[in-house]
PDB file of N, CA and C in Angstrom:
ATOM      1  N   UNK A   1     241.130 163.103 242.132  1.00  0.00           N
ATOM      2  CA  UNK A   1     241.948 161.927 242.307  1.00  0.00           C
ATOM      3  C   UNK A   1     241.825 160.803 241.022  1.00  0.00           C
ATOM      4  N   UNK A   2     240.654 160.945 241.228  1.00  0.00           N
ATOM      5  CA  UNK A   2     239.830 159.698 240.169  1.00  0.00           C
ATOM      6  C   UNK A   2     239.718 160.656 238.776  1.00  0.00           C
ATOM      7  N   UNK A   3     239.829 161.819 238.539  1.00  0.00           N
ATOM      8  CA  UNK A   3     240.264 162.467 237.343  1.00  0.00           C
ATOM      9  C   UNK A   3     241.542 162.200 236.814  1.00  0.00           C
ATOM     10  N   UNK A   4     242.146 162.609 237.653  1.00  0.00           N
ATOM     11  CA  UNK A   4     243.679 162.335 237.426  1.00  0.00           C
ATOM     12  C   UNK A   4     244.092 160.480 236.899  1.00  0.00           C
ATOM     13  N   UNK A   5     243.525 159.986 237.404  1.00  0.00           N
ATOM     14  CA  UNK A   5     243.698 158.491 237.081  1.00  0.00           C
ATOM     15  C   UNK A   5     243.197 158.093 235.796  1.00  0.00           C
ATOM     16  N   UNK A   6     241.925 158.722 235.492  1.00  0.00           N
ATOM     17  CA  UNK A   6     241.103 158.711 234.346  1.00  0.00           C
ATOM     18  C   UNK A   6     242.000 159.330 233.238  1.00  0.00           C
ATOM     19  N   UNK A   7     242.577 160.145 233.528  1.00  0.00           N
ATOM     20  CA  UNK A   7     243.931 161.022 232.624  1.00  0.00           C
ATOM     21  C   UNK A   7     245.061 160.273 232.563  1.00  0.00           C
ATOM     22  N   UNK A   8     245.199 159.502 233.189  1.00  0.00           N
ATOM     23  CA  UNK A   8     246.620 158.827 233.126  1.00  0.00           C
ATOM     24  C   UNK A   8     246.334 157.613 232.442  1.00  0.00           C
ATOM     25  N   UNK A   9     244.940 157.110 232.404  1.00  0.00           N
ATOM     26  CA  UNK A   9     244.616 155.937 231.918  1.00  0.00           C
ATOM     27  C   UNK A   9     244.680 156.486 230.227  1.00  0.00           C
ATOM     28  N   UNK A  10     243.576 157.518 229.500  1.00  0.00           N
ATOM     29  CA  UNK A  10     243.801 157.917 228.583  1.00  0.00           C
ATOM     30  C   UNK A  10     245.283 158.464 227.699  1.00  0.00           C
ATOM     31  N   UNK A  11     245.869 158.870 228.386  1.00  0.00           N
ATOM     32  CA  UNK A  11     247.264 159.373 228.157  1.00  0.00           C
ATOM     33  C   UNK A  11     248.232 158.126 227.984  1.00  0.00           C
ATOM     34  N   UNK A  12     247.909 157.243 228.404  1.00  0.00           N
ATOM     35  CA  UNK A  12     248.637 155.701 228.374  1.00  0.00           C
ATOM     36  C   UNK A  12     248.155 155.445 226.685  1.00  0.00           C
ATOM     37  N   UNK A  13     246.858 155.189 226.818  1.00  0.00           N
ATOM     38  CA  UNK A  13     246.119 154.955 225.402  1.00  0.00           C
ATOM     39  C   UNK A  13     246.764 155.910 224.328  1.00  0.00           C
ATOM     40  N   UNK A  14     247.041 156.781 224.626  1.00  0.00           N
ATOM     41  CA  UNK A  14     246.854 157.407 223.491  1.00  0.00           C
ATOM     42  C   UNK A  14     248.505 157.609 223.014  1.00  0.00           C
ATOM     43  N   UNK A  15     249.404 157.583 224.299  1.00  0.00           N
ATOM     44  CA  UNK A  15     250.964 156.736 223.615  1.00  0.00           C
ATOM     45  C   UNK A  15     251.189 155.687 222.831  1.00  0.00           C
ATOM     46  N   UNK A  16     250.331 154.929 223.105  1.00  0.00           N
ATOM     47  CA  UNK A  16     250.351 153.672 222.751  1.00  0.00           C
ATOM     48  C   UNK A  16     250.065 153.479 221.125  1.00  0.00           C
ATOM     49  N   UNK A  17     249.113 154.347 221.087  1.00  0.00           N
ATOM     50  CA  UNK A  17     248.619 154.382 219.907  1.00  0.00           C
ATOM     51  C   UNK A  17     249.399 155.266 218.629  1.00  0.00           C
ATOM     52  N   UNK A  18     249.881 156.297 219.630  1.00  0.00           N
ATOM     53  CA  UNK A  18     250.797 157.210 218.773  1.00  0.00           C
ATOM     54  C   UNK A  18     252.142 156.468 218.373  1.00  0.00           C
ATOM     55  N   UNK A  19     252.816 155.495 219.236  1.00  0.00           N
ATOM     56  CA  UNK A  19     253.987 155.169 219.178  1.00  0.00           C
ATOM     57  C   UNK A  19     253.535 153.834 218.115  1.00  0.00           C
ATOM     58  N   UNK A  20     252.236 153.084 217.861  1.00  0.00           N
ATOM     59  CA  UNK A  20     251.766 152.185 217.429  1.00  0.00           C
ATOM     60  C   UNK A  20     252.180 152.993 215.390  1.00  0.00           C
ATOM     61  N   UNK A  21     252.029 154.283 215.571  1.00  0.00           N
ATOM     62  CA  UNK A  21     251.855 155.056 214.168  1.00  0.00           C
ATOM     63  C   UNK A  21     253.364 155.116 213.787  1.00  0.00           C
ATOM     64  N   UNK A  22     254.215 155.559 215.015  1.00  0.00           N
ATOM     65  CA  UNK A  22     255.917 155.445 214.642  1.00  0.00           C
ATOM     66  C   UNK A  22     256.213 154.363 214.202  1.00  0.00           C
ATOM     67  N   UNK A  23     256.248 153.387 214.744  1.00  0.00           N
ATOM     68  CA  UNK A  23     256.179 151.942 214.324  1.00  0.00           C
ATOM     69  C   UNK A  23     256.206 151.485 212.933  1.00  0.00           C
ATOM     70  N   UNK A  24     254.778 151.730 212.729  1.00  0.00           N
ATOM     71  CA  UNK A  24     254.343 151.516 211.175  1.00  0.00           C
ATOM     72  C   UNK A  24     254.752 152.610 210.290  1.00  0.00           C
ATOM     73  N   UNK A  25     255.092 153.608 210.581  1.00  0.00           N
ATOM     74  CA  UNK A  25     255.628 154.744 209.533  1.00  0.00           C
ATOM     75  C   UNK A  25     257.019 154.239 208.963  1.00  0.00           C
ATOM     76  N   UNK A  26     257.797 153.930 210.028  1.00  0.00           N
ATOM     77  CA  UNK A  26     259.180 153.519 210.196  1.00  0.00           C
ATOM     78  C   UNK A  26     259.048 152.219 209.231  1.00  0.00           C
ATOM     79  N   UNK A  27     258.457 151.666 209.334  1.00  0.00           N
ATOM     80  CA  UNK A  27     258.906 150.185 208.789  1.00  0.00           C
ATOM     81  C   UNK A  27     258.151 150.136 207.280  1.00  0.00           C
ATOM     82  N   UNK A  28     257.388 151.400 207.039  1.00  0.00           N
ATOM     83  CA  UNK A  28     257.038 151.658 205.926  1.00  0.00           C
ATOM     84  C   UNK A  28     258.181 152.518 204.934  1.00  0.00           C
ATOM     85  N   UNK A  29     258.790 153.389 205.523  1.00  0.00           N
ATOM     86  CA  UNK A  29     259.986 153.678 205.294  1.00  0.00           C
ATOM     87  C   UNK A  29     261.314 152.753 204.945  1.00  0.00           C
ATOM     88  N   UNK A  30     261.373 151.932 205.674  1.00  0.00           N
ATOM     89  CA  UNK A  30     262.307 150.808 205.825  1.00  0.00           C
ATOM     90  C   UNK A  30     262.076 149.881 204.331  1.00  0.00           C
ATOM     91  N   UNK A  31     260.719 150.016 204.070  1.00  0.00           N
ATOM     92  CA  UNK A  31     260.666 149.090 203.014  1.00  0.00           C
ATOM     93  C   UNK A  31     260.691 149.947 201.999  1.00  0.00           C
ATOM     94  N   UNK A  32     260.758 150.781 201.706  1.00  0.00           N
ATOM     95  CA  UNK A  32     260.835 151.628 200.337  1.00  0.00           C
ATOM     96  C   UNK A  32     261.995 151.845 199.995  1.00  0.00           C
ATOM     97  N   UNK A  33     262.825 151.753 201.498  1.00  0.00           N
ATOM     98  CA  UNK A  33     264.394 152.242 200.735  1.00  0.00           C
ATOM     99  C   UNK A  33     264.849 150.660 200.434  1.00  0.00           C
ATOM    100  N   UNK A  34     264.298 149.739 201.590  1.00  0.00           N
ATOM    101  CA  UNK A  34     264.866 148.343 200.732  1.00  0.00           C
ATOM    102  C   UNK A  34     265.007 148.128 199.066  1.00  0.00           C
ATOM    103  N   UNK A  35     263.208 148.676 198.705  1.00  0.00           N
ATOM    104  CA  UNK A  35     262.936 148.683 197.382  1.00  0.00           C
ATOM    105  C   UNK A  35     263.726 149.407 196.587  1.00  0.00           C
ATOM    106  N   UNK A  36     264.542 150.315 197.097  1.00  0.00           N
ATOM    107  CA  UNK A  36     265.386 151.634 195.908  1.00  0.00           C
ATOM    108  C   UNK A  36     265.787 151.054 194.975  1.00  0.00           C
ATOM    109  N   UNK A  37     266.649 149.868 195.081  1.00  0.00           N
ATOM    110  CA  UNK A  37     267.646 149.338 193.906  1.00  0.00           C
ATOM    111  C   UNK A  37     267.095 149.114 192.855  1.00  0.00           C
ATOM    112  N   UNK A  38     265.548 148.443 192.976  1.00  0.00           N
ATOM    113  CA  UNK A  38     264.892 148.091 191.965  1.00  0.00           C
ATOM    114  C   UNK A  38     264.048 149.200 191.093  1.00  0.00           C
ATOM    115  N   UNK A  39     264.089 150.445 191.241  1.00  0.00           N
ATOM    116  CA  UNK A  39     263.499 151.126 190.741  1.00  0.00           C
ATOM    117  C   UNK A  39     264.481 152.173 190.070  1.00  0.00           C
ATOM    118  N   UNK A  40     264.248 153.001 189.029  1.00  0.00           N
ATOM    119  CA  UNK A  40     264.631 153.633 187.794  1.00  0.00           C
ATOM    120  C   UNK A  40     265.113 155.311 188.469  1.00  0.00           C
ATOM    121  N   UNK A  41     265.795 156.052 188.153  1.00  0.00           N
ATOM    122  CA  UNK A  41     265.937 157.096 188.454  1.00  0.00           C
ATOM    123  C   UNK A  41     264.830 158.188 188.793  1.00  0.00           C
ATOM    124  N   UNK A  42     264.458 158.147 187.766  1.00  0.00           N
ATOM    125  CA  UNK A  42     263.029 158.896 188.232  1.00  0.00           C
ATOM    126  C   UNK A  42     261.905 158.220 189.313  1.00  0.00           C
ATOM    127  N   UNK A  43     261.981 157.112 189.185  1.00  0.00           N
ATOM    128  CA  UNK A  43     261.032 156.412 190.679  1.00  0.00           C
ATOM    129  C   UNK A  43     261.967 156.743 191.730  1.00  0.00           C
ATOM    130  N   UNK A  44     262.884 156.700 191.676  1.00  0.00           N
ATOM    131  CA  UNK A  44     263.763 157.081 192.887  1.00  0.00           C
ATOM    132  C   UNK A  44     263.372 158.492 193.436  1.00  0.00           C
ATOM    133  N   UNK A  45     263.676 159.312 192.722  1.00  0.00           N
ATOM    134  CA  UNK A  45     263.400 160.928 192.763  1.00  0.00           C
ATOM    135  C   UNK A  45     261.960 160.800 193.487  1.00  0.00           C
ATOM    136  N   UNK A  46     260.717 160.087 193.005  1.00  0.00           N
ATOM    137  CA  UNK A  46     259.569 160.228 193.680  1.00  0.00           C
ATOM    138  C   UNK A  46     259.587 159.392 194.882  1.00  0.00           C
ATOM    139  N   UNK A  47     260.312 158.492 195.050  1.00  0.00           N
ATOM    140  CA  UNK A  47     260.135 157.563 196.487  1.00  0.00           C
ATOM    141  C   UNK A  47     260.739 158.417 197.184  1.00  0.00           C
ATOM    142  N   UNK A  48     261.954 159.284 196.937  1.00  0.00           N
ATOM    143  CA  UNK A  48     262.519 160.045 197.790  1.00  0.00           C
ATOM    144  C   UNK A  48     261.508 161.014 198.284  1.00  0.00           C
ATOM    145  N   UNK A  49     261.011 161.680 197.709  1.00  0.00           N
ATOM    146  CA  UNK A  49     259.716 162.863 198.211  1.00  0.00           C
ATOM    147  C   UNK A  49     258.704 161.918 198.672  1.00  0.00           C
ATOM    148  N   UNK A  50     258.397 160.761 198.469  1.00  0.00           N
ATOM    149  CA  UNK A  50     257.170 160.014 199.477  1.00  0.00           C
ATOM    150  C   UNK A  50     258.227 159.544 200.742  1.00  0.00           C
ATOM    151  N   UNK A  51     259.287 159.490 200.561  1.00  0.00           N
ATOM    152  CA  UNK A  51     259.968 159.104 202.625  1.00  0.00           C
ATOM    153  C   UNK A  51     260.327 160.712 202.911  1.00  0.00           C
ATOM    154  N   UNK A  52     260.415 161.532 202.106  1.00  0.00           N
ATOM    155  CA  UNK A  52     260.371 162.855 202.765  1.00  0.00           C
ATOM    156  C   UNK A  52     259.306 163.252 203.692  1.00  0.00           C
ATOM    157  N   UNK A  53     258.069 163.005 203.247  1.00  0.00           N
ATOM    158  CA  UNK A  53     256.425 163.509 203.525  1.00  0.00           C
ATOM    159  C   UNK A  53     256.426 162.489 204.804  1.00  0.00           C
ATOM    160  N   UNK A  54     256.883 161.119 204.672  1.00  0.00           N
ATOM    161  CA  UNK A  54     256.822 159.985 205.838  1.00  0.00           C
ATOM    162  C   UNK A  54     257.648 160.542 206.909  1.00  0.00           C
ATOM    163  N   UNK A  55     258.771 160.972 206.491  1.00  0.00           N
ATOM    164  CA  UNK A  55     259.828 161.384 207.678  1.00  0.00           C
ATOM    165  C   UNK A  55     259.087 163.190 208.493  1.00  0.00           C
ATOM    166  N   UNK A  56     258.594 163.591 207.704  1.00  0.00           N
ATOM    167  CA  UNK A  56     257.689 164.828 208.439  1.00  0.00           C
ATOM    168  C   UNK A  56     256.789 164.073 209.152  1.00  0.00           C
ATOM    169  N   UNK A  57     256.112 163.259 208.721  1.00  0.00           N
ATOM    170  CA  UNK A  57     254.710 162.657 209.556  1.00  0.00           C
ATOM    171  C   UNK A  57     255.320 162.021 210.547  1.00  0.00           C
ATOM    172  N   UNK A  58     256.143 161.413 210.541  1.00  0.00           N
ATOM    173  CA  UNK A  58     257.072 160.706 211.609  1.00  0.00           C
ATOM    174  C   UNK A  58     257.180 162.053 212.791  1.00  0.00           C
ATOM    175  N   UNK A  59     257.873 162.757 212.379  1.00  0.00           N
ATOM    176  CA  UNK A  59     258.525 163.893 213.341  1.00  0.00           C
ATOM    177  C   UNK A  59     257.168 164.524 213.932  1.00  0.00           C
ATOM    178  N   UNK A  60     256.134 164.194 213.219  1.00  0.00           N
ATOM    179  CA  UNK A  60     254.931 165.569 213.595  1.00  0.00           C
ATOM    180  C   UNK A  60     254.753 163.981 214.996  1.00  0.00           C
ATOM    181  N   UNK A  61     254.345 162.866 214.143  1.00  0.00           N
ATOM    182  CA  UNK A  61     253.754 161.862 215.450  1.00  0.00           C
ATOM    183  C   UNK A  61     254.849 161.649 216.783  1.00  0.00           C
ATOM    184  N   UNK A  62     255.964 162.148 216.708  1.00  0.00           N
ATOM    185  CA  UNK A  62     257.254 162.211 217.346  1.00  0.00           C
ATOM    186  C   UNK A  62     256.853 163.393 218.697  1.00  0.00           C
ATOM    187  N   UNK A  63     256.412 164.493 218.171  1.00  0.00           N
ATOM    188  CA  UNK A  63     256.336 165.685 218.772  1.00  0.00           C
ATOM    189  C   UNK A  63     254.926 164.901 219.417  1.00  0.00           C
ATOM    190  N   UNK A  64     254.171 164.600 219.034  1.00  0.00           N
ATOM    191  CA  UNK A  64     252.817 164.132 219.566  1.00  0.00           C
ATOM    192  C   UNK A  64     252.958 163.687 220.784  1.00  0.00           C
ATOM    193  N   UNK A  65     253.641 162.419 220.923  1.00  0.00           N
ATOM    194  CA  UNK A  65     254.106 161.351 221.892  1.00  0.00           C
ATOM    195  C   UNK A  65     255.292 162.084 222.749  1.00  0.00           C
ATOM    196  N   UNK A  66     255.540 163.053 222.536  1.00  0.00           N
ATOM    197  CA  UNK A  66     256.858 163.925 223.501  1.00  0.00           C
ATOM    198  C   UNK A  66     255.956 164.614 224.088  1.00  0.00           C
ATOM    199  N   UNK A  67     254.438 165.461 223.742  1.00  0.00           N
ATOM    200  CA  UNK A  67     253.124 166.125 224.678  1.00  0.00           C
ATOM    201  C   UNK A  67     252.889 165.364 225.488  1.00  0.00           C
ATOM    202  N   UNK A  68     252.200 164.278 225.011  1.00  0.00           N
ATOM    203  CA  UNK A  68     251.437 163.004 225.644  1.00  0.00           C
ATOM    204  C   UNK A  68     252.628 162.653 227.112  1.00  0.00           C
ATOM    205  N   UNK A  69     254.135 162.195 227.051  1.00  0.00           N
ATOM    206  CA  UNK A  69     254.703 161.850 227.974  1.00  0.00           C
ATOM    207  C   UNK A  69     255.082 162.899 228.976  1.00  0.00           C
ATOM    208  N   UNK A  70     254.989 163.722 228.626  1.00  0.00           N
ATOM    209  CA  UNK A  70     255.185 165.465 229.338  1.00  0.00           C
ATOM    210  C   UNK A  70     254.052 165.172 230.251  1.00  0.00           C
ATOM    211  N   UNK A  71     252.481 165.087 229.716  1.00  0.00           N
ATOM    212  CA  UNK A  71     251.362 165.314 230.360  1.00  0.00           C
ATOM    213  C   UNK A  71     251.598 163.986 231.285  1.00  0.00           C
ATOM    214  N   UNK A  72     251.729 163.069 231.124  1.00  0.00           N
ATOM    215  CA  UNK A  72     252.126 162.041 232.177  1.00  0.00           C
ATOM    216  C   UNK A  72     252.903 161.958 232.899  1.00  0.00           C
ATOM    217  N   UNK A  73     254.061 163.013 232.707  1.00  0.00           N
ATOM    218  CA  UNK A  73     254.746 163.242 234.026  1.00  0.00           C
ATOM    219  C   UNK A  73     254.323 163.842 234.795  1.00  0.00           C
ATOM    220  N   UNK A  74     253.462 165.262 234.292  1.00  0.00           N
ATOM    221  CA  UNK A  74     252.520 165.708 235.083  1.00  0.00           C
ATOM    222  C   UNK A  74     251.452 165.301 236.011  1.00  0.00           C
ATOM    223  N   UNK A  75     250.911 164.112 235.443  1.00  0.00           N
ATOM    224  CA  UNK A  75     249.731 163.436 236.109  1.00  0.00           C
ATOM    225  C   UNK A  75     250.481 162.730 237.339  1.00  0.00           C
ATOM    226  N   UNK A  76     251.329 161.686 236.849  1.00  0.00           N
ATOM    227  CA  UNK A  76     252.381 161.313 237.815  1.00  0.00           C
ATOM    228  C   UNK A  76     252.720 162.135 238.906  1.00  0.00           C
ATOM    229  N   UNK A  77     253.205 163.342 238.771  1.00  0.00           N
ATOM    230  CA  UNK A  77     253.705 163.786 239.682  1.00  0.00           C
ATOM    231  C   UNK A  77     252.477 164.445 240.929  1.00  0.00           C
ATOM    232  N   UNK A  78     251.363 165.060 240.356  1.00  0.00           N
ATOM    233  CA  UNK A  78     250.425 165.120 240.874  1.00  0.00           C
ATOM    234  C   UNK A  78     249.567 164.042 241.483  1.00  0.00           C
ATOM    235  N   UNK A  79     250.149 162.566 241.378  1.00  0.00           N
ATOM    236  CA  UNK A  79     249.653 161.588 241.985  1.00  0.00           C
ATOM    237  C   UNK A  79     250.304 161.521 243.094  1.00  0.00           C
ATOM    238  N   UNK A  80     252.064 161.442 242.952  1.00  0.00           N
ATOM    239  CA  UNK A  80     252.586 161.243 244.082  1.00  0.00           C
ATOM    240  C   UNK A  80     252.215 162.355 245.069  1.00  0.00           C
ATOM    241  N   UNK A  81     251.695 163.923 244.894  1.00  0.00           N
ATOM    242  CA  UNK A  81     252.016 165.090 245.608  1.00  0.00           C
ATOM    243  C   UNK A  81     250.570 164.415 246.498  1.00  0.00           C
ATOM    244  N   UNK A  82     249.131 164.270 245.258  1.00  0.00           N
ATOM    245  CA  UNK A  82     248.179 163.720 246.373  1.00  0.00           C
ATOM    246  C   UNK A  82     248.360 162.603 247.344  1.00  0.00           C
ATOM    247  N   UNK A  83     248.901 161.393 246.884  1.00  0.00           N
ATOM    248  CA  UNK A  83     249.291 160.285 247.806  1.00  0.00           C
ATOM    249  C   UNK A  83     250.042 161.154 249.153  1.00  0.00           C
ATOM    250  N   UNK A  84     251.084 161.639 248.855  1.00  0.00           N
ATOM    251  CA  UNK A  84     251.417 162.226 250.251  1.00  0.00           C
ATOM    252  C   UNK A  84     250.852 162.931 251.152  1.00  0.00           C
ATOM    253  N   UNK A  85     250.046 163.583 250.573  1.00  0.00           N
ATOM    254  CA  UNK A  85     249.129 164.689 251.145  1.00  0.00           C
ATOM    255  C   UNK A  85     248.189 163.997 251.764  1.00  0.00           C
ATOM    256  N   UNK A  86     247.321 162.776 251.660  1.00  0.00           N
ATOM    257  CA  UNK A  86     246.305 161.738 251.606  1.00  0.00           C
ATOM    258  C   UNK A  86     247.202 161.125 253.275  1.00  0.00           C
ATOM    259  N   UNK A  87     248.454 160.824 252.852  1.00  0.00           N
ATOM    260  CA  UNK A  87     249.158 160.061 253.793  1.00  0.00           C
ATOM    261  C   UNK A  87     249.640 160.993 255.056  1.00  0.00           C
ATOM    262  N   UNK A  88     249.752 162.426 255.055  1.00  0.00           N
ATOM    263  CA  UNK A  88     249.816 163.301 256.220  1.00  0.00           C
ATOM    264  C   UNK A  88     248.711 163.140 256.799  1.00  0.00           C
ATOM    265  N   UNK A  89     247.703 163.374 255.813  1.00  0.00           N
ATOM    266  CA  UNK A  89     246.167 163.668 256.436  1.00  0.00           C
ATOM    267  C   UNK A  89     246.152 162.210 257.428  1.00  0.00           C
ATOM    268  N   UNK A  90     245.995 161.202 256.571  1.00  0.00           N
ATOM    269  CA  UNK A  90     246.131 159.975 257.644  1.00  0.00           C
ATOM    270  C   UNK A  90     246.866 159.885 259.176  1.00  0.00           C
ATOM    271  N   UNK A  91     248.058 159.908 258.756  1.00  0.00           N
ATOM    272  CA  UNK A  91     249.252 160.017 259.780  1.00  0.00           C
ATOM    273  C   UNK A  91     248.365 161.122 261.136  1.00  0.00           C
ATOM    274  N   UNK A  92     248.000 162.403 260.610  1.00  0.00           N
ATOM    275  CA  UNK A  92     247.757 163.455 261.740  1.00  0.00           C
ATOM    276  C   UNK A  92     246.333 162.735 262.171  1.00  0.00           C
ATOM    277  N   UNK A  93     245.366 162.150 261.483  1.00  0.00           N
ATOM    278  CA  UNK A  93     244.187 161.558 262.331  1.00  0.00           C
ATOM    279  C   UNK A  93     244.370 160.525 263.150  1.00  0.00           C
ATOM    280  N   UNK A  94     245.446 159.705 262.996  1.00  0.00           N
ATOM    281  CA  UNK A  94     245.536 158.342 263.712  1.00  0.00           C
ATOM    282  C   UNK A  94     246.322 159.239 264.739  1.00  0.00           C
ATOM    283  N   UNK A  95     247.266 160.103 264.853  1.00  0.00           N
ATOM    284  CA  UNK A  95     247.856 161.118 266.071  1.00  0.00           C
ATOM    285  C   UNK A  95     246.575 161.488 266.632  1.00  0.00           C
ATOM    286  N   UNK A  96     245.691 161.859 265.895  1.00  0.00           N
ATOM    287  CA  UNK A  96     244.929 162.545 267.228  1.00  0.00           C
ATOM    288  C   UNK A  96     244.058 161.418 267.958  1.00  0.00           C
ATOM    289  N   UNK A  97     243.655 160.683 267.110  1.00  0.00           N
ATOM    290  CA  UNK A  97     242.796 159.634 268.049  1.00  0.00           C
ATOM    291  C   UNK A  97     243.585 158.996 268.981  1.00  0.00           C
ATOM    292  N   UNK A  98     244.747 158.813 268.855  1.00  0.00           N
ATOM    293  CA  UNK A  98     245.750 158.189 270.088  1.00  0.00           C
ATOM    294  C   UNK A  98     245.438 159.387 271.034  1.00  0.00           C
ATOM    295  N   UNK A  99     245.744 160.550 271.161  1.00  0.00           N
ATOM    296  CA  UNK A  99     245.762 161.420 271.701  1.00  0.00           C
ATOM    297  C   UNK A  99     244.349 161.273 272.863  1.00  0.00           C
ATOM    298  N   UNK A 100     243.170 161.150 271.996  1.00  0.00           N
ATOM    299  CA  UNK A 100     241.833 160.898 272.466  1.00  0.00           C
ATOM    300  C   UNK A 100     241.952 159.712 273.381  1.00  0.00           C
ATOM    301  N   UNK A 101     242.459 159.023 272.871  1.00  0.00           N
ATOM    302  CA  UNK A 101     242.030 157.827 273.706  1.00  0.00           C
ATOM    303  C   UNK A 101     243.440 157.630 274.764  1.00  0.00           C
TER     304      UNK A 101
END
């Protein structure tokens, strides 16, 4: 259970770091788009290529965070199941101790 808690903590930190990358990338694209009016056609073509690369990077990052959240979900289910099992064991032990007394 301790390993599971460590995994949950690490995955949470990973998710935060990945979403920080998403926010930074989206902000960078927004800045490029806002500046587009000031560029020549040749510069705009170059800028569009940069934006396409950034969008692909954001998509890759979104897949990473998606995978992390699925792993978080699995760990959470594991924690819930473990808690249920512990609860059953404790209830069983209390029931046995009541019978002994």
